[in-house]
Each structure stands twice: as C-alpha cells, then as structure tokens.
Amino acid sequence: MLVVPLIEIVDASPAALAPAMEGLGVHDWIVVASPNGAARVAPLLDGVSARVAAVGATTAATLGRVDLVPPQQSAEGLLQVFEHAPERGGRVVVVQSADGAATLVDGLRARGWDVERIDTHRAIPVRPTRRQQFDALKADAVIFTSASQARAWADEFGTSAPAVVVAIGPQTAAAAGSLGLKVSAVAADHSLAGSVAALVRFFQR
C-alpha cells in the first residue's frame, strides 16, 4: 500500500463555532460532516444541550458524544432521518469543510430547519514528490476519501489514474466523475475501512 499526500487540512473559521453553538437547546442539533470537523467540535460540547448528529461512524468516534448516526452513512442518509423527525423548525449548526457541498444545509433548510453553516477547515493541495507521482500511477488501484482528494489528483495527473478507482462515498464519486475519472466502486460504509472493503469486493468479483 502506498499513501500519497494530495491535500493538507488547515483551519478556515474555527472561531465562529463556539458563538454558533451558544444558546442551542434540547430541540436543536449540531450536525458534523467529517472527522476533521468533529475534532474541532468535540472540545466545545461540555454544557451544550443540543443533540449531536454525525454523518458517519468515524466522525461519531471522533466526537465521543453523539446522539445520531444514520443507517446510510452519508449526507443523504442523514437527511432521510431528518425527513421523519417529529419536530421541525429548530436550529441546526452544520459543521463541515469550506470545500464541502451544500447538500446538508440545503436539504435541512428545505425540511424547515433554521440552519447555520460553519466551515471550520478546508483542504489545500499538496504536490507529491516525483517518486510518489510515479508510484501512484503505477499502482493497481487508488482510493479517494474525499472530493478534495479527487480534485487534487486531477490537478496533478489529469485523467490518468490506475485501472481501479474507489470513492469513499457518492459525493466523492460524483466529483471524480465530473473530472473525467472513471469510478470503479463506491464504498457502502463511507469510511476508510469501508473503502478498503469496497476495493477488496471489486477484486473478488
């Protein structure tokens, strides 16, 4: 296995997070879209009465305290759960990357929630070494664990890629596809472990 750094995670507006969480009540929510966002939310949860939702299990594990992880671990899966929520119209603070799609924000607003989006971090491209570039293109497969990684790959390599491309989830797959990369498999469990499992299943066909 070869790990090729394509992005670096840096802070975006983390200072806006604490004020956004102030005054949240028991009928309100904090929705966290990624482990990087969770790492910035977790230290602020003491004394916060709002419920906490995580898009996936890895994000939930980083948070420590979580009230909801959707059965389908994706933004779309979380929206399906909120579709059937008994109460509507409360506040929701959505914590995500500045590079992230507006799927959660738009979907929750459409379902009647008062939504504030906080972009706590962003991904910036990192250029691999020449050796890493060579080894990456010679690999049998590549796994993208975010849309930012797919975009960084396309910036570096264009549409050249190993024969098998695995995406961690549908948003990453859509980003890769829009860049001309042919996605071979999409992980059912949107985590690194799920992506590896999708790769194994692909080769076992």
N, C-alpha and C. Protein backbone atom coordinates (compact mmCIF):
# COMPACT_ATOMS: atom_id res chain seq x y z
N MET A 1 0.84 -1.19 0.00
CA MET A 1 0.00 0.00 0.00
C MET A 1 0.88 1.24 0.00
N LEU A 2 0.49 2.22 -0.77
CA LEU A 2 1.20 3.48 -0.88
C LEU A 2 0.27 4.62 -0.47
N VAL A 3 0.69 5.45 0.45
CA VAL A 3 -0.06 6.64 0.85
C VAL A 3 0.57 7.85 0.18
N VAL A 4 -0.21 8.52 -0.66
CA VAL A 4 0.28 9.69 -1.38
C VAL A 4 -0.47 10.92 -0.88
N PRO A 5 0.20 11.86 -0.23
CA PRO A 5 -0.49 13.06 0.25
C PRO A 5 -0.90 13.95 -0.92
N LEU A 6 -2.18 14.25 -0.99
CA LEU A 6 -2.69 15.13 -2.03
C LEU A 6 -3.26 16.42 -1.48
N ILE A 7 -3.67 16.40 -0.20
CA ILE A 7 -4.24 17.58 0.43
C ILE A 7 -3.70 17.73 1.85
N GLU A 8 -3.79 18.94 2.36
CA GLU A 8 -3.49 19.24 3.76
C GLU A 8 -4.71 19.96 4.34
N ILE A 9 -5.12 19.58 5.55
CA ILE A 9 -6.27 20.20 6.20
C ILE A 9 -5.79 21.37 7.05
N VAL A 10 -6.36 22.54 6.80
CA VAL A 10 -6.00 23.74 7.56
C VAL A 10 -7.27 24.38 8.10
N ASP A 11 -7.14 25.20 9.12
CA ASP A 11 -8.29 25.88 9.70
C ASP A 11 -8.89 26.87 8.70
N ALA A 12 -10.21 27.01 8.77
CA ALA A 12 -10.91 28.01 7.98
C ALA A 12 -11.48 29.08 8.93
N SER A 13 -12.61 28.77 9.59
CA SER A 13 -13.20 29.74 10.52
C SER A 13 -13.59 29.05 11.82
N PRO A 14 -12.65 28.41 12.52
CA PRO A 14 -13.00 27.68 13.74
C PRO A 14 -13.49 28.58 14.86
N ALA A 15 -13.09 29.88 14.84
CA ALA A 15 -13.51 30.79 15.91
C ALA A 15 -15.01 31.06 15.86
N ALA A 16 -15.63 30.83 14.72
CA ALA A 16 -17.08 31.07 14.59
C ALA A 16 -17.90 29.96 15.21
N LEU A 17 -17.27 28.84 15.56
CA LEU A 17 -18.01 27.67 16.02
C LEU A 17 -18.63 27.87 17.40
N ALA A 18 -17.84 28.31 18.37
CA ALA A 18 -18.35 28.47 19.73
C ALA A 18 -19.53 29.44 19.80
N PRO A 19 -19.46 30.64 19.17
CA PRO A 19 -20.62 31.52 19.20
C PRO A 19 -21.87 30.90 18.55
N ALA A 20 -21.67 30.11 17.49
CA ALA A 20 -22.82 29.49 16.82
C ALA A 20 -23.50 28.47 17.71
N MET A 21 -22.73 27.82 18.60
CA MET A 21 -23.29 26.79 19.47
C MET A 21 -23.96 27.37 20.72
N GLU A 22 -23.70 28.64 21.01
CA GLU A 22 -24.29 29.26 22.20
C GLU A 22 -25.81 29.35 22.05
N GLY A 23 -26.51 29.01 23.08
CA GLY A 23 -27.96 29.14 23.08
C GLY A 23 -28.71 28.00 22.43
N LEU A 24 -28.00 27.00 21.95
CA LEU A 24 -28.69 25.85 21.37
C LEU A 24 -29.40 25.07 22.48
N GLY A 25 -30.65 24.68 22.22
CA GLY A 25 -31.43 23.96 23.22
C GLY A 25 -31.59 22.49 22.91
N VAL A 26 -32.40 21.83 23.70
CA VAL A 26 -32.55 20.37 23.58
C VAL A 26 -33.25 19.96 22.30
N HIS A 27 -33.93 20.89 21.64
CA HIS A 27 -34.59 20.56 20.38
C HIS A 27 -33.76 20.96 19.16
N ASP A 28 -32.56 21.47 19.42
CA ASP A 28 -31.67 21.89 18.34
C ASP A 28 -30.62 20.80 18.08
N TRP A 29 -29.88 20.99 16.98
CA TRP A 29 -28.91 19.98 16.58
C TRP A 29 -27.58 20.61 16.19
N ILE A 30 -26.52 19.87 16.41
CA ILE A 30 -25.22 20.13 15.81
C ILE A 30 -24.95 18.96 14.88
N VAL A 31 -24.81 19.24 13.61
CA VAL A 31 -24.59 18.19 12.60
C VAL A 31 -23.16 18.31 12.10
N VAL A 32 -22.41 17.23 12.22
CA VAL A 32 -20.98 17.25 11.88
C VAL A 32 -20.74 16.33 10.70
N ALA A 33 -20.08 16.87 9.68
CA ALA A 33 -19.99 16.17 8.41
C ALA A 33 -18.71 15.36 8.22
N SER A 34 -17.71 15.52 9.10
CA SER A 34 -16.44 14.83 8.86
C SER A 34 -15.65 14.73 10.16
N PRO A 35 -14.69 13.80 10.21
CA PRO A 35 -13.82 13.71 11.40
C PRO A 35 -13.04 15.00 11.66
N ASN A 36 -12.64 15.71 10.61
CA ASN A 36 -11.91 16.96 10.81
C ASN A 36 -12.78 18.00 11.49
N GLY A 37 -14.05 18.07 11.11
CA GLY A 37 -14.97 18.95 11.80
C GLY A 37 -15.23 18.48 13.22
N ALA A 38 -15.33 17.16 13.40
CA ALA A 38 -15.58 16.60 14.73
C ALA A 38 -14.46 16.94 15.70
N ALA A 39 -13.22 16.92 15.22
CA ALA A 39 -12.09 17.24 16.09
C ALA A 39 -12.16 18.67 16.61
N ARG A 40 -12.81 19.55 15.88
CA ARG A 40 -12.95 20.94 16.30
C ARG A 40 -14.19 21.15 17.16
N VAL A 41 -15.20 20.29 17.00
CA VAL A 41 -16.42 20.40 17.79
C VAL A 41 -16.26 19.76 19.17
N ALA A 42 -15.61 18.62 19.23
CA ALA A 42 -15.57 17.81 20.46
C ALA A 42 -15.16 18.59 21.70
N PRO A 43 -14.14 19.46 21.66
CA PRO A 43 -13.75 20.18 22.89
C PRO A 43 -14.78 21.18 23.38
N LEU A 44 -15.79 21.48 22.55
CA LEU A 44 -16.77 22.52 22.89
C LEU A 44 -18.10 21.96 23.35
N LEU A 45 -18.22 20.64 23.45
CA LEU A 45 -19.52 20.03 23.71
C LEU A 45 -19.95 20.04 25.17
N ASP A 46 -19.03 20.20 26.08
CA ASP A 46 -19.41 20.22 27.50
C ASP A 46 -20.39 21.36 27.77
N GLY A 47 -21.52 21.02 28.38
CA GLY A 47 -22.52 22.02 28.73
C GLY A 47 -23.46 22.38 27.61
N VAL A 48 -23.27 21.83 26.42
CA VAL A 48 -24.16 22.10 25.29
C VAL A 48 -25.30 21.09 25.32
N SER A 49 -26.54 21.57 25.36
CA SER A 49 -27.69 20.67 25.47
C SER A 49 -28.23 20.20 24.13
N ALA A 50 -27.78 20.80 23.05
CA ALA A 50 -28.25 20.37 21.73
C ALA A 50 -27.84 18.94 21.45
N ARG A 51 -28.63 18.27 20.63
CA ARG A 51 -28.27 16.93 20.20
C ARG A 51 -27.20 17.00 19.10
N VAL A 52 -26.45 15.92 18.98
CA VAL A 52 -25.31 15.89 18.06
C VAL A 52 -25.51 14.75 17.07
N ALA A 53 -25.41 15.08 15.79
CA ALA A 53 -25.51 14.08 14.73
C ALA A 53 -24.21 14.02 13.95
N ALA A 54 -23.79 12.82 13.60
CA ALA A 54 -22.59 12.62 12.80
C ALA A 54 -22.97 11.91 11.51
N VAL A 55 -22.36 12.32 10.41
CA VAL A 55 -22.68 11.71 9.12
C VAL A 55 -22.26 10.25 9.08
N GLY A 56 -21.17 9.90 9.77
CA GLY A 56 -20.70 8.52 9.72
C GLY A 56 -20.06 8.09 11.03
N ALA A 57 -19.72 6.80 11.10
CA ALA A 57 -19.19 6.22 12.33
C ALA A 57 -17.83 6.78 12.71
N THR A 58 -16.98 7.06 11.75
CA THR A 58 -15.66 7.61 12.06
C THR A 58 -15.80 9.01 12.65
N THR A 59 -16.69 9.80 12.11
CA THR A 59 -16.96 11.13 12.66
C THR A 59 -17.52 11.01 14.06
N ALA A 60 -18.43 10.06 14.27
CA ALA A 60 -19.01 9.84 15.59
C ALA A 60 -17.95 9.46 16.61
N ALA A 61 -17.02 8.60 16.22
CA ALA A 61 -15.96 8.17 17.14
C ALA A 61 -15.07 9.33 17.53
N THR A 62 -14.84 10.25 16.62
CA THR A 62 -14.02 11.42 16.92
C THR A 62 -14.74 12.37 17.86
N LEU A 63 -16.07 12.47 17.72
CA LEU A 63 -16.85 13.34 18.58
C LEU A 63 -16.89 12.84 20.02
N GLY A 64 -16.99 11.53 20.17
CA GLY A 64 -17.16 10.96 21.51
C GLY A 64 -18.61 10.94 21.93
N ARG A 65 -19.22 12.09 22.02
CA ARG A 65 -20.64 12.18 22.35
C ARG A 65 -21.44 12.38 21.07
N VAL A 66 -22.38 11.48 20.82
CA VAL A 66 -23.21 11.59 19.61
C VAL A 66 -24.57 10.97 19.88
N ASP A 67 -25.60 11.58 19.32
CA ASP A 67 -26.97 11.10 19.50
C ASP A 67 -27.53 10.41 18.27
N LEU A 68 -26.93 10.66 17.11
CA LEU A 68 -27.50 10.11 15.89
C LEU A 68 -26.40 9.87 14.86
N VAL A 69 -26.37 8.64 14.34
CA VAL A 69 -25.59 8.29 13.16
C VAL A 69 -26.56 7.59 12.21
N PRO A 70 -26.76 8.08 11.00
CA PRO A 70 -27.76 7.48 10.12
C PRO A 70 -27.36 6.08 9.67
N PRO A 71 -28.33 5.21 9.44
CA PRO A 71 -28.01 3.86 8.93
C PRO A 71 -27.23 3.92 7.62
N GLN A 72 -27.65 4.83 6.73
CA GLN A 72 -26.88 5.07 5.50
C GLN A 72 -25.93 6.23 5.80
N GLN A 73 -24.65 5.93 5.92
CA GLN A 73 -23.69 6.90 6.42
C GLN A 73 -23.26 7.86 5.31
N SER A 74 -24.09 8.87 5.11
CA SER A 74 -23.82 9.90 4.11
C SER A 74 -24.70 11.09 4.41
N ALA A 75 -24.44 12.20 3.74
CA ALA A 75 -25.30 13.37 3.91
C ALA A 75 -26.73 13.05 3.53
N GLU A 76 -26.89 12.32 2.45
CA GLU A 76 -28.23 11.95 2.01
C GLU A 76 -28.93 11.06 3.04
N GLY A 77 -28.16 10.14 3.63
CA GLY A 77 -28.74 9.26 4.65
C GLY A 77 -29.19 10.03 5.87
N LEU A 78 -28.41 11.03 6.28
CA LEU A 78 -28.80 11.84 7.43
C LEU A 78 -30.05 12.65 7.12
N LEU A 79 -30.15 13.16 5.91
CA LEU A 79 -31.35 13.92 5.53
C LEU A 79 -32.59 13.03 5.55
N GLN A 80 -32.44 11.78 5.20
CA GLN A 80 -33.58 10.86 5.25
C GLN A 80 -34.09 10.70 6.68
N VAL A 81 -33.18 10.67 7.64
CA VAL A 81 -33.59 10.57 9.05
C VAL A 81 -34.32 11.85 9.46
N PHE A 82 -33.79 13.00 9.08
CA PHE A 82 -34.42 14.27 9.44
C PHE A 82 -35.77 14.45 8.73
N GLU A 83 -35.95 13.77 7.62
CA GLU A 83 -37.24 13.82 6.92
C GLU A 83 -38.37 13.34 7.81
N HIS A 84 -38.05 12.42 8.70
CA HIS A 84 -39.08 11.81 9.56
C HIS A 84 -38.96 12.27 11.01
N ALA A 85 -38.20 13.34 11.25
CA ALA A 85 -38.08 13.86 12.61
C ALA A 85 -39.44 14.39 13.09
N PRO A 86 -39.83 14.09 14.34
CA PRO A 86 -41.14 14.52 14.82
C PRO A 86 -41.26 16.02 14.97
N GLU A 87 -40.15 16.71 15.22
CA GLU A 87 -40.21 18.16 15.37
C GLU A 87 -39.42 18.81 14.25
N ARG A 88 -39.85 20.01 13.86
CA ARG A 88 -39.15 20.74 12.82
C ARG A 88 -39.07 22.20 13.21
N GLY A 89 -38.19 22.93 12.57
CA GLY A 89 -38.12 24.36 12.79
C GLY A 89 -37.12 24.78 13.83
N GLY A 90 -36.42 23.83 14.48
CA GLY A 90 -35.38 24.19 15.42
C GLY A 90 -34.13 24.66 14.71
N ARG A 91 -33.12 25.00 15.48
CA ARG A 91 -31.85 25.43 14.92
C ARG A 91 -30.94 24.24 14.65
N VAL A 92 -30.19 24.33 13.59
CA VAL A 92 -29.18 23.32 13.28
C VAL A 92 -27.89 24.04 12.90
N VAL A 93 -26.82 23.71 13.58
CA VAL A 93 -25.49 24.19 13.20
C VAL A 93 -24.81 23.06 12.45
N VAL A 94 -24.50 23.29 11.18
CA VAL A 94 -23.83 22.29 10.34
C VAL A 94 -22.35 22.62 10.29
N VAL A 95 -21.53 21.67 10.72
CA VAL A 95 -20.08 21.86 10.76
C VAL A 95 -19.46 21.04 9.64
N GLN A 96 -18.76 21.71 8.73
CA GLN A 96 -18.18 20.98 7.61
C GLN A 96 -17.00 21.74 7.04
N SER A 97 -16.44 21.18 5.98
CA SER A 97 -15.33 21.80 5.29
C SER A 97 -15.81 22.93 4.40
N ALA A 98 -14.96 23.95 4.25
CA ALA A 98 -15.28 25.03 3.32
C ALA A 98 -15.39 24.52 1.89
N ASP A 99 -14.77 23.37 1.61
CA ASP A 99 -14.82 22.79 0.27
C ASP A 99 -16.04 21.89 0.09
N GLY A 100 -16.79 21.65 1.17
CA GLY A 100 -17.86 20.67 1.12
C GLY A 100 -19.09 21.16 0.38
N ALA A 101 -19.83 20.21 -0.17
CA ALA A 101 -21.07 20.52 -0.87
C ALA A 101 -22.12 21.03 0.10
N ALA A 102 -23.12 21.71 -0.43
CA ALA A 102 -24.18 22.30 0.38
C ALA A 102 -25.34 21.32 0.60
N THR A 103 -25.09 20.03 0.41
CA THR A 103 -26.16 19.03 0.48
C THR A 103 -26.91 19.08 1.81
N LEU A 104 -26.18 19.08 2.92
CA LEU A 104 -26.82 19.09 4.24
C LEU A 104 -27.55 20.40 4.50
N VAL A 105 -26.90 21.50 4.23
CA VAL A 105 -27.50 22.81 4.50
C VAL A 105 -28.78 23.00 3.69
N ASP A 106 -28.70 22.76 2.40
CA ASP A 106 -29.87 22.94 1.54
C ASP A 106 -30.98 21.96 1.91
N GLY A 107 -30.60 20.72 2.18
CA GLY A 107 -31.59 19.71 2.50
C GLY A 107 -32.31 19.99 3.80
N LEU A 108 -31.59 20.43 4.83
CA LEU A 108 -32.20 20.73 6.12
C LEU A 108 -33.09 21.96 6.03
N ARG A 109 -32.65 22.97 5.30
CA ARG A 109 -33.50 24.16 5.12
C ARG A 109 -34.80 23.81 4.40
N ALA A 110 -34.68 22.95 3.40
CA ALA A 110 -35.88 22.53 2.68
C ALA A 110 -36.85 21.77 3.57
N ARG A 111 -36.35 21.19 4.65
CA ARG A 111 -37.19 20.44 5.59
C ARG A 111 -37.65 21.30 6.77
N GLY A 112 -37.42 22.61 6.69
CA GLY A 112 -37.98 23.52 7.66
C GLY A 112 -37.09 23.91 8.82
N TRP A 113 -35.80 23.54 8.78
CA TRP A 113 -34.90 23.85 9.87
C TRP A 113 -34.21 25.19 9.64
N ASP A 114 -33.88 25.87 10.75
CA ASP A 114 -33.11 27.12 10.72
C ASP A 114 -31.64 26.74 10.79
N VAL A 115 -30.94 26.87 9.67
CA VAL A 115 -29.60 26.28 9.54
C VAL A 115 -28.52 27.35 9.49
N GLU A 116 -27.46 27.13 10.24
CA GLU A 116 -26.25 27.95 10.16
C GLU A 116 -25.09 27.03 9.82
N ARG A 117 -24.39 27.34 8.76
CA ARG A 117 -23.23 26.54 8.34
C ARG A 117 -21.95 27.18 8.87
N ILE A 118 -21.12 26.37 9.49
CA ILE A 118 -19.81 26.81 9.96
C ILE A 118 -18.74 25.98 9.26
N ASP A 119 -17.91 26.65 8.48
CA ASP A 119 -16.80 26.00 7.79
C ASP A 119 -15.57 26.07 8.69
N THR A 120 -15.27 24.99 9.38
CA THR A 120 -14.18 25.02 10.35
C THR A 120 -12.81 24.77 9.73
N HIS A 121 -12.79 24.19 8.54
CA HIS A 121 -11.50 23.81 7.94
C HIS A 121 -11.64 23.76 6.43
N ARG A 122 -10.53 23.63 5.78
CA ARG A 122 -10.52 23.49 4.32
C ARG A 122 -9.34 22.62 3.91
N ALA A 123 -9.40 22.11 2.70
CA ALA A 123 -8.31 21.30 2.15
C ALA A 123 -7.53 22.14 1.15
N ILE A 124 -6.21 22.10 1.26
CA ILE A 124 -5.37 22.76 0.27
C ILE A 124 -4.50 21.69 -0.40
N PRO A 125 -4.26 21.83 -1.69
CA PRO A 125 -3.50 20.80 -2.42
C PRO A 125 -2.06 20.68 -1.93
N VAL A 126 -1.56 19.46 -1.94
CA VAL A 126 -0.16 19.17 -1.64
C VAL A 126 0.41 18.43 -2.84
N ARG A 127 1.55 18.87 -3.34
CA ARG A 127 2.12 18.23 -4.51
C ARG A 127 2.99 17.05 -4.09
N PRO A 128 2.68 15.85 -4.59
CA PRO A 128 3.52 14.68 -4.28
C PRO A 128 4.92 14.84 -4.88
N THR A 129 5.85 14.09 -4.29
CA THR A 129 7.19 14.06 -4.87
C THR A 129 7.15 13.34 -6.22
N ARG A 130 8.20 13.49 -6.98
CA ARG A 130 8.24 12.81 -8.29
C ARG A 130 8.14 11.28 -8.12
N ARG A 131 8.81 10.77 -7.09
CA ARG A 131 8.74 9.33 -6.84
C ARG A 131 7.32 8.92 -6.49
N GLN A 132 6.65 9.70 -5.66
CA GLN A 132 5.27 9.39 -5.30
C GLN A 132 4.36 9.46 -6.52
N GLN A 133 4.58 10.43 -7.39
CA GLN A 133 3.78 10.53 -8.61
C GLN A 133 3.95 9.28 -9.46
N PHE A 134 5.19 8.86 -9.64
CA PHE A 134 5.47 7.68 -10.46
C PHE A 134 4.81 6.44 -9.85
N ASP A 135 4.99 6.26 -8.55
CA ASP A 135 4.43 5.07 -7.89
C ASP A 135 2.91 5.09 -7.91
N ALA A 136 2.31 6.26 -7.76
CA ALA A 136 0.85 6.36 -7.75
C ALA A 136 0.25 5.92 -9.08
N LEU A 137 0.86 6.35 -10.17
CA LEU A 137 0.33 6.00 -11.48
C LEU A 137 0.59 4.54 -11.84
N LYS A 138 1.58 3.91 -11.19
CA LYS A 138 1.88 2.50 -11.43
C LYS A 138 1.05 1.56 -10.55
N ALA A 139 0.29 2.12 -9.61
CA ALA A 139 -0.49 1.30 -8.68
C ALA A 139 -1.63 0.58 -9.41
N ASP A 140 -2.13 -0.48 -8.79
CA ASP A 140 -3.26 -1.22 -9.36
C ASP A 140 -4.58 -0.52 -9.09
N ALA A 141 -4.64 0.28 -8.03
CA ALA A 141 -5.89 0.93 -7.67
C ALA A 141 -5.58 2.18 -6.87
N VAL A 142 -6.57 3.08 -6.81
CA VAL A 142 -6.46 4.27 -6.00
C VAL A 142 -7.78 4.46 -5.24
N ILE A 143 -7.68 4.88 -3.99
CA ILE A 143 -8.85 5.18 -3.17
C ILE A 143 -8.86 6.67 -2.88
N PHE A 144 -9.98 7.32 -3.20
CA PHE A 144 -10.19 8.72 -2.84
C PHE A 144 -11.13 8.78 -1.64
N THR A 145 -10.69 9.43 -0.57
CA THR A 145 -11.52 9.52 0.63
C THR A 145 -12.18 10.88 0.79
N SER A 146 -12.07 11.72 -0.22
CA SER A 146 -12.80 12.99 -0.22
C SER A 146 -12.82 13.55 -1.63
N ALA A 147 -13.79 14.43 -1.87
CA ALA A 147 -13.86 15.10 -3.17
C ALA A 147 -12.63 15.98 -3.39
N SER A 148 -12.11 16.55 -2.30
CA SER A 148 -10.91 17.39 -2.41
C SER A 148 -9.72 16.59 -2.92
N GLN A 149 -9.61 15.34 -2.48
CA GLN A 149 -8.53 14.49 -2.96
C GLN A 149 -8.68 14.21 -4.46
N ALA A 150 -9.91 13.96 -4.88
CA ALA A 150 -10.14 13.70 -6.31
C ALA A 150 -9.76 14.93 -7.14
N ARG A 151 -10.13 16.11 -6.65
CA ARG A 151 -9.78 17.33 -7.38
C ARG A 151 -8.27 17.55 -7.41
N ALA A 152 -7.61 17.27 -6.28
CA ALA A 152 -6.16 17.43 -6.24
C ALA A 152 -5.47 16.44 -7.17
N TRP A 153 -6.01 15.21 -7.24
CA TRP A 153 -5.45 14.22 -8.17
C TRP A 153 -5.58 14.73 -9.61
N ALA A 154 -6.75 15.22 -9.97
CA ALA A 154 -6.97 15.69 -11.34
C ALA A 154 -6.07 16.89 -11.65
N ASP A 155 -5.84 17.75 -10.67
CA ASP A 155 -4.94 18.88 -10.89
C ASP A 155 -3.52 18.40 -11.19
N GLU A 156 -3.13 17.29 -10.54
CA GLU A 156 -1.77 16.78 -10.70
C GLU A 156 -1.61 15.86 -11.90
N PHE A 157 -2.61 14.97 -12.11
CA PHE A 157 -2.46 13.90 -13.10
C PHE A 157 -3.47 13.99 -14.26
N GLY A 158 -4.39 14.92 -14.21
CA GLY A 158 -5.44 14.95 -15.22
C GLY A 158 -6.34 13.73 -15.09
N THR A 159 -6.63 13.06 -16.18
CA THR A 159 -7.48 11.88 -16.15
C THR A 159 -6.68 10.58 -16.07
N SER A 160 -5.36 10.68 -15.98
CA SER A 160 -4.54 9.48 -15.81
C SER A 160 -4.73 8.93 -14.40
N ALA A 161 -4.97 7.65 -14.30
CA ALA A 161 -5.21 7.03 -12.99
C ALA A 161 -5.03 5.52 -13.12
N PRO A 162 -4.82 4.81 -12.00
CA PRO A 162 -4.82 3.35 -12.03
C PRO A 162 -6.13 2.81 -12.60
N ALA A 163 -6.12 1.56 -12.96
CA ALA A 163 -7.29 0.96 -13.62
C ALA A 163 -8.51 0.93 -12.71
N VAL A 164 -8.31 0.85 -11.41
CA VAL A 164 -9.42 0.76 -10.46
C VAL A 164 -9.42 2.00 -9.57
N VAL A 165 -10.56 2.68 -9.55
CA VAL A 165 -10.73 3.89 -8.73
C VAL A 165 -11.89 3.65 -7.77
N VAL A 166 -11.63 3.80 -6.48
CA VAL A 166 -12.65 3.62 -5.45
C VAL A 166 -12.91 4.95 -4.77
N ALA A 167 -14.18 5.29 -4.58
CA ALA A 167 -14.57 6.52 -3.89
C ALA A 167 -15.22 6.18 -2.56
N ILE A 168 -14.95 7.00 -1.55
CA ILE A 168 -15.46 6.75 -0.21
C ILE A 168 -16.98 6.92 -0.11
N GLY A 169 -17.54 7.71 -1.02
CA GLY A 169 -18.98 7.94 -0.99
C GLY A 169 -19.46 8.58 -2.27
N PRO A 170 -20.77 8.81 -2.40
CA PRO A 170 -21.33 9.31 -3.65
C PRO A 170 -20.86 10.71 -4.02
N GLN A 171 -20.65 11.59 -3.05
CA GLN A 171 -20.18 12.94 -3.38
C GLN A 171 -18.76 12.90 -3.95
N THR A 172 -17.92 12.06 -3.36
CA THR A 172 -16.56 11.90 -3.88
C THR A 172 -16.59 11.27 -5.26
N ALA A 173 -17.46 10.29 -5.44
CA ALA A 173 -17.60 9.65 -6.76
C ALA A 173 -18.07 10.65 -7.80
N ALA A 174 -19.02 11.50 -7.43
CA ALA A 174 -19.53 12.50 -8.38
C ALA A 174 -18.43 13.49 -8.75
N ALA A 175 -17.64 13.91 -7.76
CA ALA A 175 -16.55 14.85 -8.05
C ALA A 175 -15.53 14.21 -8.98
N ALA A 176 -15.16 12.96 -8.69
CA ALA A 176 -14.19 12.27 -9.54
C ALA A 176 -14.73 12.11 -10.96
N GLY A 177 -15.98 11.71 -11.07
CA GLY A 177 -16.59 11.53 -12.39
C GLY A 177 -16.64 12.82 -13.19
N SER A 178 -16.93 13.93 -12.51
CA SER A 178 -17.00 15.21 -13.20
C SER A 178 -15.65 15.66 -13.73
N LEU A 179 -14.58 15.08 -13.17
CA LEU A 179 -13.23 15.42 -13.60
C LEU A 179 -12.69 14.45 -14.65
N GLY A 180 -13.53 13.53 -15.08
CA GLY A 180 -13.14 12.58 -16.12
C GLY A 180 -12.51 11.31 -15.60
N LEU A 181 -12.57 11.08 -14.27
CA LEU A 181 -12.04 9.86 -13.69
C LEU A 181 -13.15 8.81 -13.61
N LYS A 182 -12.89 7.62 -14.09
CA LYS A 182 -13.89 6.56 -14.09
C LYS A 182 -13.85 5.83 -12.76
N VAL A 183 -14.95 5.92 -11.99
CA VAL A 183 -15.02 5.30 -10.68
C VAL A 183 -15.48 3.85 -10.81
N SER A 184 -14.70 2.94 -10.25
CA SER A 184 -15.00 1.52 -10.35
C SER A 184 -15.93 1.04 -9.25
N ALA A 185 -15.83 1.64 -8.05
CA ALA A 185 -16.63 1.20 -6.91
C ALA A 185 -16.79 2.35 -5.93
N VAL A 186 -17.94 2.35 -5.25
CA VAL A 186 -18.23 3.34 -4.21
C VAL A 186 -18.49 2.59 -2.92
N ALA A 187 -17.84 3.01 -1.84
CA ALA A 187 -17.98 2.31 -0.56
C ALA A 187 -19.39 2.44 -0.02
N ALA A 188 -19.94 1.34 0.49
CA ALA A 188 -21.24 1.37 1.13
C ALA A 188 -21.14 2.00 2.52
N ASP A 189 -20.06 1.68 3.22
CA ASP A 189 -19.75 2.30 4.51
C ASP A 189 -18.73 3.40 4.23
N HIS A 190 -19.17 4.66 4.41
CA HIS A 190 -18.34 5.78 3.96
C HIS A 190 -17.24 6.10 4.98
N SER A 191 -16.27 5.22 5.01
CA SER A 191 -15.11 5.35 5.88
C SER A 191 -13.92 4.75 5.15
N LEU A 192 -12.71 4.93 5.72
CA LEU A 192 -11.54 4.33 5.08
C LEU A 192 -11.65 2.82 5.07
N ALA A 193 -12.11 2.24 6.19
CA ALA A 193 -12.28 0.79 6.24
C ALA A 193 -13.31 0.33 5.21
N GLY A 194 -14.38 1.09 5.07
CA GLY A 194 -15.39 0.75 4.08
C GLY A 194 -14.86 0.84 2.66
N SER A 195 -14.00 1.82 2.42
CA SER A 195 -13.40 1.97 1.09
C SER A 195 -12.48 0.81 0.75
N VAL A 196 -11.71 0.37 1.74
CA VAL A 196 -10.84 -0.79 1.53
C VAL A 196 -11.69 -2.03 1.28
N ALA A 197 -12.79 -2.17 2.02
CA ALA A 197 -13.69 -3.32 1.81
C ALA A 197 -14.28 -3.29 0.41
N ALA A 198 -14.64 -2.10 -0.09
CA ALA A 198 -15.17 -1.98 -1.45
C ALA A 198 -14.12 -2.38 -2.48
N LEU A 199 -12.87 -2.02 -2.22
CA LEU A 199 -11.78 -2.41 -3.13
C LEU A 199 -11.60 -3.93 -3.14
N VAL A 200 -11.64 -4.54 -1.96
CA VAL A 200 -11.48 -5.99 -1.88
C VAL A 200 -12.61 -6.69 -2.61
N ARG A 201 -13.85 -6.20 -2.39
CA ARG A 201 -15.00 -6.81 -3.09
C ARG A 201 -14.86 -6.69 -4.59
N PHE A 202 -14.35 -5.56 -5.05
CA PHE A 202 -14.19 -5.36 -6.50
C PHE A 202 -13.25 -6.40 -7.08
N PHE A 203 -12.14 -6.68 -6.42
CA PHE A 203 -11.17 -7.64 -6.93
C PHE A 203 -11.61 -9.08 -6.73
N GLN A 204 -12.60 -9.30 -5.87
CA GLN A 204 -13.11 -10.64 -5.65
C GLN A 204 -14.20 -11.03 -6.64
N ARG A 205 -14.64 -10.12 -7.44
CA ARG A 205 -15.70 -10.43 -8.41
C ARG A 205 -15.24 -11.47 -9.41
